[in-house]
């Protein structure tokens, strides 16, 4: 039985919010559905994913940097509860692949993302350039493009594979 770490994150905690409870219920349900043993629950409340990388979060950070031998799978309710930038997603996926961990999102885009044997298929078989107003922003590995297909993006000039050269 694989060991699961459940993660809850909320940017702004208020008295009225029920989001942490809903996230915990979703992650517990996913762990049960997959027959995983829950070994820990991480709650980073009042922590912005756009400002703080998963590795620097107060509660999750030590699990990723020091206690990573205590679990095999990390479960979030949704992808946006884990990361808010492609850079952080890339670093998290790279970390998981290097350590043989699976990243699971209970619902939404990326819910099938795992970083073991099928990681190359899901996370990054296609290496692409991301273009910004100033030119090529950075190399990134695409997990998914919820807005349009790669072919559509290529025709629009938004994405270039590593086998194509950026037009001058």
N, C-alpha and C. Protein backbone atom coordinates (compact mmCIF):
# COMPACT_ATOMS: atom_id res chain seq x y z
N UNK A 1 0.85 -1.18 0.00
CA UNK A 1 0.00 0.00 0.00
C UNK A 1 0.89 1.24 0.00
N UNK A 2 0.64 2.14 -0.92
CA UNK A 2 1.40 3.39 -0.99
C UNK A 2 0.98 4.35 0.12
N UNK A 3 1.93 5.16 0.54
CA UNK A 3 1.70 6.14 1.62
C UNK A 3 1.41 7.51 1.01
N UNK A 4 0.33 8.13 1.46
CA UNK A 4 -0.11 9.41 0.88
C UNK A 4 0.03 10.56 1.87
N UNK A 5 0.50 11.68 1.35
CA UNK A 5 0.53 12.95 2.08
C UNK A 5 -0.57 13.82 1.49
N UNK A 6 -1.50 14.27 2.31
CA UNK A 6 -2.61 15.12 1.85
C UNK A 6 -2.23 16.57 2.10
N UNK A 7 -2.47 17.42 1.10
CA UNK A 7 -2.08 18.82 1.22
C UNK A 7 -3.28 19.73 1.01
N UNK A 8 -3.43 20.68 1.93
CA UNK A 8 -4.48 21.70 1.86
C UNK A 8 -3.76 23.05 1.86
N UNK A 9 -4.16 23.93 0.93
CA UNK A 9 -3.57 25.27 0.91
C UNK A 9 -4.65 26.29 0.63
N UNK A 10 -4.57 27.40 1.34
CA UNK A 10 -5.53 28.48 1.16
C UNK A 10 -4.79 29.81 1.27
N UNK A 11 -5.03 30.70 0.33
CA UNK A 11 -4.33 31.99 0.33
C UNK A 11 -4.77 32.89 1.47
N UNK A 12 -6.07 32.99 1.68
CA UNK A 12 -6.59 33.88 2.73
C UNK A 12 -7.58 33.11 3.60
N UNK A 13 -7.24 32.97 4.85
CA UNK A 13 -8.11 32.27 5.79
C UNK A 13 -9.04 33.28 6.46
N UNK A 14 -10.33 33.01 6.40
CA UNK A 14 -11.32 33.85 7.09
C UNK A 14 -12.21 32.94 7.94
N UNK A 15 -12.99 33.54 8.83
CA UNK A 15 -13.88 32.76 9.68
C UNK A 15 -14.97 32.05 8.87
N UNK A 16 -15.34 32.62 7.72
CA UNK A 16 -16.45 32.08 6.93
C UNK A 16 -16.04 30.96 5.99
N UNK A 17 -14.76 30.83 5.70
CA UNK A 17 -14.35 29.89 4.67
C UNK A 17 -14.52 28.43 5.10
N UNK A 18 -14.95 27.62 4.14
CA UNK A 18 -15.04 26.18 4.37
C UNK A 18 -14.10 25.44 3.43
N UNK A 19 -13.32 26.18 2.69
CA UNK A 19 -12.43 25.57 1.70
C UNK A 19 -11.47 24.53 2.28
N UNK A 20 -10.82 24.79 3.42
CA UNK A 20 -9.91 23.75 3.94
C UNK A 20 -10.62 22.43 4.21
N UNK A 21 -11.83 22.49 4.72
CA UNK A 21 -12.58 21.27 4.99
C UNK A 21 -12.94 20.55 3.69
N UNK A 22 -13.34 21.33 2.68
CA UNK A 22 -13.67 20.72 1.38
C UNK A 22 -12.44 20.11 0.73
N UNK A 23 -11.30 20.82 0.81
CA UNK A 23 -10.07 20.28 0.24
C UNK A 23 -9.66 18.99 0.94
N UNK A 24 -9.75 18.97 2.26
CA UNK A 24 -9.38 17.78 3.02
C UNK A 24 -10.30 16.61 2.67
N UNK A 25 -11.59 16.88 2.55
CA UNK A 25 -12.54 15.83 2.17
C UNK A 25 -12.22 15.28 0.78
N UNK A 26 -11.88 16.16 -0.16
CA UNK A 26 -11.55 15.73 -1.52
C UNK A 26 -10.27 14.88 -1.54
N UNK A 27 -9.26 15.31 -0.80
CA UNK A 27 -8.00 14.56 -0.80
C UNK A 27 -8.15 13.22 -0.07
N UNK A 28 -8.90 13.21 1.03
CA UNK A 28 -9.15 11.94 1.74
C UNK A 28 -9.93 10.98 0.85
N UNK A 29 -10.93 11.51 0.16
CA UNK A 29 -11.71 10.68 -0.75
C UNK A 29 -10.86 10.07 -1.85
N UNK A 30 -9.95 10.86 -2.39
CA UNK A 30 -9.06 10.36 -3.45
C UNK A 30 -8.12 9.29 -2.90
N UNK A 31 -7.60 9.50 -1.70
CA UNK A 31 -6.72 8.50 -1.08
C UNK A 31 -7.47 7.19 -0.85
N UNK A 32 -8.70 7.29 -0.37
CA UNK A 32 -9.51 6.10 -0.14
C UNK A 32 -9.82 5.39 -1.45
N UNK A 33 -10.18 6.17 -2.48
CA UNK A 33 -10.51 5.61 -3.78
C UNK A 33 -9.33 4.83 -4.36
N UNK A 34 -8.12 5.30 -4.10
CA UNK A 34 -6.91 4.65 -4.62
C UNK A 34 -6.30 3.66 -3.62
N UNK A 35 -6.97 3.46 -2.50
CA UNK A 35 -6.51 2.53 -1.46
C UNK A 35 -5.11 2.89 -0.95
N UNK A 36 -4.92 4.17 -0.64
CA UNK A 36 -3.64 4.66 -0.13
C UNK A 36 -3.72 4.87 1.38
N UNK A 37 -2.61 4.64 2.05
CA UNK A 37 -2.53 4.87 3.49
C UNK A 37 -2.14 6.32 3.74
N UNK A 38 -2.94 7.05 4.47
CA UNK A 38 -2.66 8.47 4.77
C UNK A 38 -1.65 8.52 5.90
N UNK A 39 -0.48 9.13 5.62
CA UNK A 39 0.58 9.22 6.62
C UNK A 39 0.76 10.64 7.16
N UNK A 40 0.11 11.61 6.54
CA UNK A 40 0.21 12.98 7.01
C UNK A 40 -0.75 13.90 6.31
N UNK A 41 -1.11 14.98 7.02
CA UNK A 41 -1.96 16.02 6.46
C UNK A 41 -1.25 17.34 6.66
N UNK A 42 -1.05 18.06 5.57
CA UNK A 42 -0.36 19.34 5.60
C UNK A 42 -1.38 20.44 5.35
N UNK A 43 -1.39 21.45 6.20
CA UNK A 43 -2.28 22.59 6.00
C UNK A 43 -1.46 23.87 5.99
N UNK A 44 -1.33 24.46 4.82
CA UNK A 44 -0.68 25.77 4.68
C UNK A 44 -1.80 26.78 4.45
N UNK A 45 -2.23 27.44 5.51
CA UNK A 45 -3.32 28.41 5.43
C UNK A 45 -2.72 29.81 5.46
N UNK A 46 -3.32 30.72 4.73
CA UNK A 46 -2.78 32.08 4.54
C UNK A 46 -1.44 32.06 3.83
N UNK A 47 -1.31 31.16 2.85
CA UNK A 47 -0.08 31.04 2.06
C UNK A 47 -0.45 31.14 0.59
N UNK A 48 0.09 32.13 -0.09
CA UNK A 48 -0.18 32.34 -1.51
C UNK A 48 0.73 31.46 -2.36
N UNK A 49 0.11 30.66 -3.24
CA UNK A 49 0.90 29.81 -4.14
C UNK A 49 1.61 30.63 -5.21
N UNK A 50 1.10 31.81 -5.52
CA UNK A 50 1.76 32.63 -6.53
C UNK A 50 2.99 33.35 -5.95
N UNK A 51 3.06 33.45 -4.64
CA UNK A 51 4.19 34.14 -4.01
C UNK A 51 5.19 33.20 -3.33
N UNK A 52 4.74 32.00 -2.96
CA UNK A 52 5.59 31.08 -2.20
C UNK A 52 5.61 29.72 -2.89
N UNK A 53 6.80 29.27 -3.28
CA UNK A 53 6.94 27.97 -3.94
C UNK A 53 6.61 26.86 -2.95
N UNK A 54 6.21 25.69 -3.44
CA UNK A 54 5.90 24.58 -2.54
C UNK A 54 7.06 24.25 -1.59
N UNK A 55 8.28 24.42 -2.04
CA UNK A 55 9.45 24.08 -1.24
C UNK A 55 9.72 25.08 -0.12
N UNK A 56 9.12 26.26 -0.20
CA UNK A 56 9.34 27.30 0.82
C UNK A 56 8.12 27.53 1.71
N UNK A 57 7.10 26.72 1.54
CA UNK A 57 5.90 26.88 2.36
C UNK A 57 6.17 26.38 3.78
N UNK A 58 5.56 27.05 4.77
CA UNK A 58 5.88 26.74 6.17
C UNK A 58 5.68 25.28 6.58
N UNK A 59 4.59 24.67 6.15
CA UNK A 59 4.32 23.29 6.58
C UNK A 59 4.72 22.27 5.51
N UNK A 60 4.40 22.53 4.25
CA UNK A 60 4.74 21.59 3.18
C UNK A 60 6.24 21.53 2.91
N UNK A 61 6.91 22.67 2.98
CA UNK A 61 8.34 22.73 2.66
C UNK A 61 9.19 21.66 3.34
N UNK A 62 9.10 21.52 4.67
CA UNK A 62 9.91 20.49 5.34
C UNK A 62 9.58 19.06 4.88
N UNK A 63 8.33 18.80 4.52
CA UNK A 63 7.99 17.46 4.01
C UNK A 63 8.72 17.20 2.69
N UNK A 64 8.81 18.23 1.84
CA UNK A 64 9.45 18.05 0.54
C UNK A 64 10.98 18.01 0.64
N UNK A 65 11.54 18.73 1.59
CA UNK A 65 12.99 18.83 1.67
C UNK A 65 13.64 17.89 2.68
N UNK A 66 12.89 17.51 3.73
CA UNK A 66 13.49 16.69 4.79
C UNK A 66 12.80 15.35 5.01
N UNK A 67 11.48 15.33 4.89
CA UNK A 67 10.71 14.12 5.24
C UNK A 67 10.19 13.38 4.02
N UNK A 68 10.82 13.55 2.86
CA UNK A 68 10.27 12.97 1.64
C UNK A 68 10.32 11.45 1.61
N UNK A 69 11.06 10.84 2.50
CA UNK A 69 11.08 9.38 2.58
C UNK A 69 9.88 8.79 3.29
N UNK A 70 9.04 9.62 3.87
CA UNK A 70 7.90 9.15 4.66
C UNK A 70 6.62 8.98 3.86
N UNK A 71 6.63 9.33 2.56
CA UNK A 71 5.43 9.20 1.74
C UNK A 71 5.82 8.88 0.31
N UNK A 72 4.85 8.36 -0.46
CA UNK A 72 5.07 7.98 -1.86
C UNK A 72 4.26 8.84 -2.82
N UNK A 73 3.17 9.40 -2.30
CA UNK A 73 2.19 10.12 -3.11
C UNK A 73 1.82 11.41 -2.40
N UNK A 74 1.64 12.49 -3.17
CA UNK A 74 1.11 13.74 -2.61
C UNK A 74 -0.22 14.00 -3.31
N UNK A 75 -1.24 14.30 -2.52
CA UNK A 75 -2.57 14.56 -3.09
C UNK A 75 -3.03 15.96 -2.72
N UNK A 76 -3.42 16.73 -3.74
CA UNK A 76 -4.05 18.04 -3.57
C UNK A 76 -5.48 17.92 -4.09
N UNK A 77 -6.35 18.82 -3.67
CA UNK A 77 -7.73 18.83 -4.18
C UNK A 77 -7.75 19.22 -5.66
N UNK A 78 -6.96 20.22 -6.04
CA UNK A 78 -6.87 20.69 -7.43
C UNK A 78 -5.46 21.18 -7.70
N UNK A 79 -5.12 21.30 -8.94
CA UNK A 79 -3.79 21.77 -9.35
C UNK A 79 -3.48 23.15 -8.78
N UNK A 80 -4.47 24.05 -8.77
CA UNK A 80 -4.21 25.41 -8.28
C UNK A 80 -3.98 25.47 -6.78
N UNK A 81 -4.26 24.39 -6.06
CA UNK A 81 -3.94 24.33 -4.63
C UNK A 81 -2.46 23.99 -4.44
N UNK A 82 -1.83 23.46 -5.47
CA UNK A 82 -0.40 23.10 -5.40
C UNK A 82 0.48 24.24 -5.90
N UNK A 83 0.21 24.71 -7.11
CA UNK A 83 1.05 25.72 -7.74
C UNK A 83 0.21 26.70 -8.54
N UNK A 84 0.80 27.86 -8.83
CA UNK A 84 0.14 28.87 -9.66
C UNK A 84 1.03 29.31 -10.81
N UNK A 85 2.20 28.69 -10.98
CA UNK A 85 3.08 29.07 -12.08
C UNK A 85 3.65 27.83 -12.75
N UNK A 86 3.94 27.95 -14.04
CA UNK A 86 4.55 26.84 -14.77
C UNK A 86 5.92 26.51 -14.20
N UNK A 87 6.65 27.54 -13.75
CA UNK A 87 7.97 27.30 -13.17
C UNK A 87 7.90 26.43 -11.92
N UNK A 88 6.95 26.75 -11.03
CA UNK A 88 6.78 25.94 -9.82
C UNK A 88 6.29 24.54 -10.16
N UNK A 89 5.41 24.43 -11.16
CA UNK A 89 4.92 23.12 -11.58
C UNK A 89 6.09 22.28 -12.11
N UNK A 90 6.93 22.91 -12.91
CA UNK A 90 8.09 22.19 -13.47
C UNK A 90 9.01 21.71 -12.35
N UNK A 91 9.32 22.57 -11.41
CA UNK A 91 10.21 22.19 -10.31
C UNK A 91 9.60 21.08 -9.46
N UNK A 92 8.31 21.16 -9.19
CA UNK A 92 7.65 20.13 -8.40
C UNK A 92 7.63 18.79 -9.14
N UNK A 93 7.32 18.82 -10.44
CA UNK A 93 7.30 17.59 -11.23
C UNK A 93 8.70 16.99 -11.34
N UNK A 94 9.70 17.83 -11.51
CA UNK A 94 11.10 17.36 -11.59
C UNK A 94 11.50 16.72 -10.26
N UNK A 95 11.17 17.38 -9.14
CA UNK A 95 11.46 16.85 -7.81
C UNK A 95 10.81 15.48 -7.64
N UNK A 96 9.52 15.38 -8.03
CA UNK A 96 8.79 14.13 -7.87
C UNK A 96 9.38 13.01 -8.73
N UNK A 97 9.74 13.33 -9.94
CA UNK A 97 10.31 12.31 -10.83
C UNK A 97 11.64 11.80 -10.29
N UNK A 98 12.48 12.71 -9.80
CA UNK A 98 13.79 12.32 -9.27
C UNK A 98 13.67 11.43 -8.04
N UNK A 99 12.58 11.56 -7.29
CA UNK A 99 12.40 10.80 -6.05
C UNK A 99 11.36 9.69 -6.16
N UNK A 100 10.82 9.49 -7.35
CA UNK A 100 9.84 8.43 -7.55
C UNK A 100 8.52 8.68 -6.86
N UNK A 101 8.13 9.93 -6.73
CA UNK A 101 6.86 10.28 -6.08
C UNK A 101 5.79 10.50 -7.14
N UNK A 102 4.53 10.30 -6.74
CA UNK A 102 3.40 10.61 -7.62
C UNK A 102 2.72 11.87 -7.12
N UNK A 103 2.31 12.72 -8.05
CA UNK A 103 1.55 13.92 -7.74
C UNK A 103 0.13 13.70 -8.23
N UNK A 104 -0.83 13.79 -7.33
CA UNK A 104 -2.22 13.52 -7.70
C UNK A 104 -3.07 14.73 -7.34
N UNK A 105 -3.96 15.11 -8.27
CA UNK A 105 -4.91 16.19 -8.05
C UNK A 105 -6.29 15.56 -8.11
N UNK A 106 -7.06 15.69 -7.05
CA UNK A 106 -8.33 14.99 -6.93
C UNK A 106 -9.33 15.37 -8.02
N UNK A 107 -9.25 16.61 -8.53
CA UNK A 107 -10.18 17.01 -9.57
C UNK A 107 -9.58 18.10 -10.43
N UNK A 108 -10.20 18.32 -11.59
CA UNK A 108 -9.78 19.40 -12.48
C UNK A 108 -8.65 19.01 -13.41
N UNK A 109 -8.14 19.99 -14.18
CA UNK A 109 -7.03 19.71 -15.09
C UNK A 109 -5.84 19.17 -14.32
N UNK A 110 -5.22 18.15 -14.88
CA UNK A 110 -4.04 17.58 -14.25
C UNK A 110 -4.36 16.47 -13.28
N UNK A 111 -5.64 16.06 -13.17
CA UNK A 111 -5.97 15.05 -12.17
C UNK A 111 -5.32 13.70 -12.46
N UNK A 112 -4.85 13.50 -13.66
CA UNK A 112 -4.18 12.26 -14.00
C UNK A 112 -2.66 12.39 -13.97
N UNK A 113 -2.13 13.54 -13.56
CA UNK A 113 -0.70 13.75 -13.59
C UNK A 113 -0.01 12.90 -12.53
N UNK A 114 0.88 12.06 -12.99
CA UNK A 114 1.67 11.26 -12.08
C UNK A 114 3.11 11.35 -12.56
N UNK A 115 4.05 11.15 -11.67
CA UNK A 115 5.43 11.35 -12.07
C UNK A 115 6.27 10.09 -11.94
N UNK A 116 5.67 8.96 -12.28
CA UNK A 116 6.45 7.75 -12.34
C UNK A 116 6.52 7.31 -13.80
N UNK A 117 6.09 6.11 -14.11
CA UNK A 117 6.30 5.56 -15.44
C UNK A 117 5.61 6.35 -16.54
N UNK A 118 4.46 6.96 -16.29
CA UNK A 118 3.79 7.69 -17.35
C UNK A 118 4.06 9.18 -17.31
N UNK A 119 5.04 9.61 -16.53
CA UNK A 119 5.28 11.05 -16.40
C UNK A 119 5.70 11.69 -17.72
N UNK A 120 6.49 11.02 -18.51
CA UNK A 120 6.91 11.62 -19.78
C UNK A 120 5.71 11.84 -20.69
N UNK A 121 4.75 10.93 -20.65
CA UNK A 121 3.56 11.09 -21.49
C UNK A 121 2.72 12.26 -21.00
N UNK A 122 2.52 12.38 -19.70
CA UNK A 122 1.61 13.38 -19.16
C UNK A 122 2.26 14.73 -19.00
N UNK A 123 3.40 14.78 -18.37
CA UNK A 123 4.00 16.07 -18.01
C UNK A 123 4.79 16.69 -19.13
N UNK A 124 5.59 15.92 -19.84
CA UNK A 124 6.43 16.69 -20.70
C UNK A 124 7.09 16.03 -21.85
N UNK A 125 6.39 15.32 -22.66
CA UNK A 125 7.05 14.79 -23.83
C UNK A 125 7.40 15.92 -24.79
N UNK A 126 6.58 16.94 -24.77
CA UNK A 126 6.81 18.07 -25.67
C UNK A 126 7.55 19.16 -24.93
N UNK A 127 8.69 19.52 -25.45
CA UNK A 127 9.43 20.63 -24.88
C UNK A 127 9.11 21.86 -25.72
N UNK A 128 8.79 22.93 -25.07
CA UNK A 128 8.33 24.07 -25.84
C UNK A 128 8.97 25.36 -25.37
N UNK A 129 8.95 26.32 -26.25
CA UNK A 129 9.33 27.68 -25.90
C UNK A 129 8.07 28.43 -25.53
N UNK A 130 8.11 29.19 -24.48
CA UNK A 130 7.00 30.08 -24.17
C UNK A 130 7.43 31.48 -24.59
N UNK A 131 6.63 32.10 -25.42
CA UNK A 131 6.99 33.44 -25.90
C UNK A 131 6.30 34.49 -25.06
N UNK A 132 7.02 35.54 -24.76
CA UNK A 132 6.43 36.67 -24.06
C UNK A 132 6.62 37.91 -24.93
N UNK A 133 6.16 39.05 -24.45
CA UNK A 133 6.27 40.28 -25.24
C UNK A 133 7.72 40.61 -25.58
N UNK A 134 8.65 40.25 -24.73
CA UNK A 134 10.05 40.54 -24.97
C UNK A 134 10.79 39.46 -25.72
N UNK A 135 10.10 38.44 -26.22
CA UNK A 135 10.78 37.35 -26.92
C UNK A 135 10.56 36.06 -26.16
N UNK A 136 11.49 35.14 -26.29
CA UNK A 136 11.36 33.84 -25.65
C UNK A 136 11.54 34.01 -24.15
N UNK A 137 10.56 33.59 -23.39
CA UNK A 137 10.59 33.74 -21.94
C UNK A 137 11.46 32.68 -21.29
N UNK A 138 11.21 31.42 -21.58
CA UNK A 138 11.96 30.33 -20.95
C UNK A 138 11.55 29.01 -21.55
N UNK A 139 12.38 28.01 -21.34
CA UNK A 139 11.99 26.64 -21.69
C UNK A 139 10.98 26.20 -20.65
N UNK A 140 9.99 25.49 -21.06
CA UNK A 140 9.07 24.92 -20.08
C UNK A 140 8.59 23.59 -20.61
N UNK A 141 8.13 22.78 -19.74
CA UNK A 141 7.56 21.49 -20.12
C UNK A 141 6.07 21.59 -19.84
N UNK A 142 5.26 21.35 -20.86
CA UNK A 142 3.82 21.54 -20.72
C UNK A 142 3.16 20.30 -20.14
N UNK A 143 2.39 20.47 -19.10
CA UNK A 143 1.59 19.38 -18.55
C UNK A 143 0.30 19.26 -19.36
N UNK A 144 -0.29 20.38 -19.72
CA UNK A 144 -1.51 20.41 -20.49
C UNK A 144 -1.74 21.85 -20.92
N UNK A 145 -2.54 22.04 -21.92
CA UNK A 145 -2.93 23.37 -22.35
C UNK A 145 -4.44 23.39 -22.38
N UNK A 146 -5.10 23.86 -21.32
CA UNK A 146 -6.56 23.78 -21.25
C UNK A 146 -7.27 24.67 -22.26
N UNK A 147 -6.57 25.64 -22.84
CA UNK A 147 -7.23 26.58 -23.73
C UNK A 147 -7.20 26.16 -25.19
N UNK A 148 -6.12 25.53 -25.61
CA UNK A 148 -6.03 25.16 -27.02
C UNK A 148 -4.99 24.07 -27.22
N UNK A 149 -5.11 23.41 -28.36
CA UNK A 149 -4.18 22.33 -28.66
C UNK A 149 -2.83 22.88 -29.08
N UNK A 150 -1.83 22.02 -29.08
CA UNK A 150 -0.49 22.42 -29.50
C UNK A 150 -0.50 22.84 -30.96
N UNK A 151 -1.24 22.11 -31.80
CA UNK A 151 -1.30 22.45 -33.22
C UNK A 151 -1.87 23.85 -33.42
N UNK A 152 -2.94 24.17 -32.70
CA UNK A 152 -3.54 25.50 -32.78
C UNK A 152 -2.56 26.55 -32.29
N UNK A 153 -1.87 26.26 -31.22
CA UNK A 153 -0.91 27.22 -30.67
C UNK A 153 0.25 27.44 -31.63
N UNK A 154 0.70 26.37 -32.29
CA UNK A 154 1.78 26.53 -33.27
C UNK A 154 1.35 27.43 -34.42
N UNK A 155 0.12 27.20 -34.93
CA UNK A 155 -0.37 28.03 -36.03
C UNK A 155 -0.46 29.49 -35.61
N UNK A 156 -0.81 29.72 -34.35
CA UNK A 156 -0.94 31.09 -33.85
C UNK A 156 0.42 31.71 -33.54
N UNK A 157 1.48 30.88 -33.56
CA UNK A 157 2.81 31.39 -33.26
C UNK A 157 3.10 31.54 -31.78
N UNK A 158 2.30 30.87 -30.93
CA UNK A 158 2.48 31.00 -29.50
C UNK A 158 3.47 30.01 -28.92
N UNK A 159 3.63 28.83 -29.54
CA UNK A 159 4.49 27.79 -28.99
C UNK A 159 5.39 27.23 -30.08
N UNK A 160 6.60 26.90 -29.72
CA UNK A 160 7.55 26.28 -30.63
C UNK A 160 8.16 25.08 -29.95
N UNK A 161 8.21 23.96 -30.66
CA UNK A 161 8.84 22.78 -30.08
C UNK A 161 10.34 22.94 -30.18
N UNK A 162 11.07 22.07 -29.51
CA UNK A 162 12.53 22.16 -29.54
C UNK A 162 13.08 21.76 -30.91
N UNK A 163 12.24 21.25 -31.81
CA UNK A 163 12.69 20.89 -33.14
C UNK A 163 12.46 22.02 -34.14
N UNK A 164 11.84 23.09 -33.71
CA UNK A 164 11.59 24.22 -34.58
C UNK A 164 12.42 25.41 -34.11
N UNK A 165 12.74 26.24 -35.04
CA UNK A 165 13.46 27.47 -34.69
C UNK A 165 12.47 28.61 -34.59
N UNK A 166 12.72 29.48 -33.65
CA UNK A 166 11.89 30.67 -33.49
C UNK A 166 12.10 31.58 -34.68
N UNK A 167 11.01 32.04 -35.32
CA UNK A 167 11.17 32.94 -36.46
C UNK A 167 11.86 34.24 -36.05
N UNK A 168 12.66 34.77 -36.96
CA UNK A 168 13.38 36.03 -36.68
C UNK A 168 12.46 37.21 -36.78
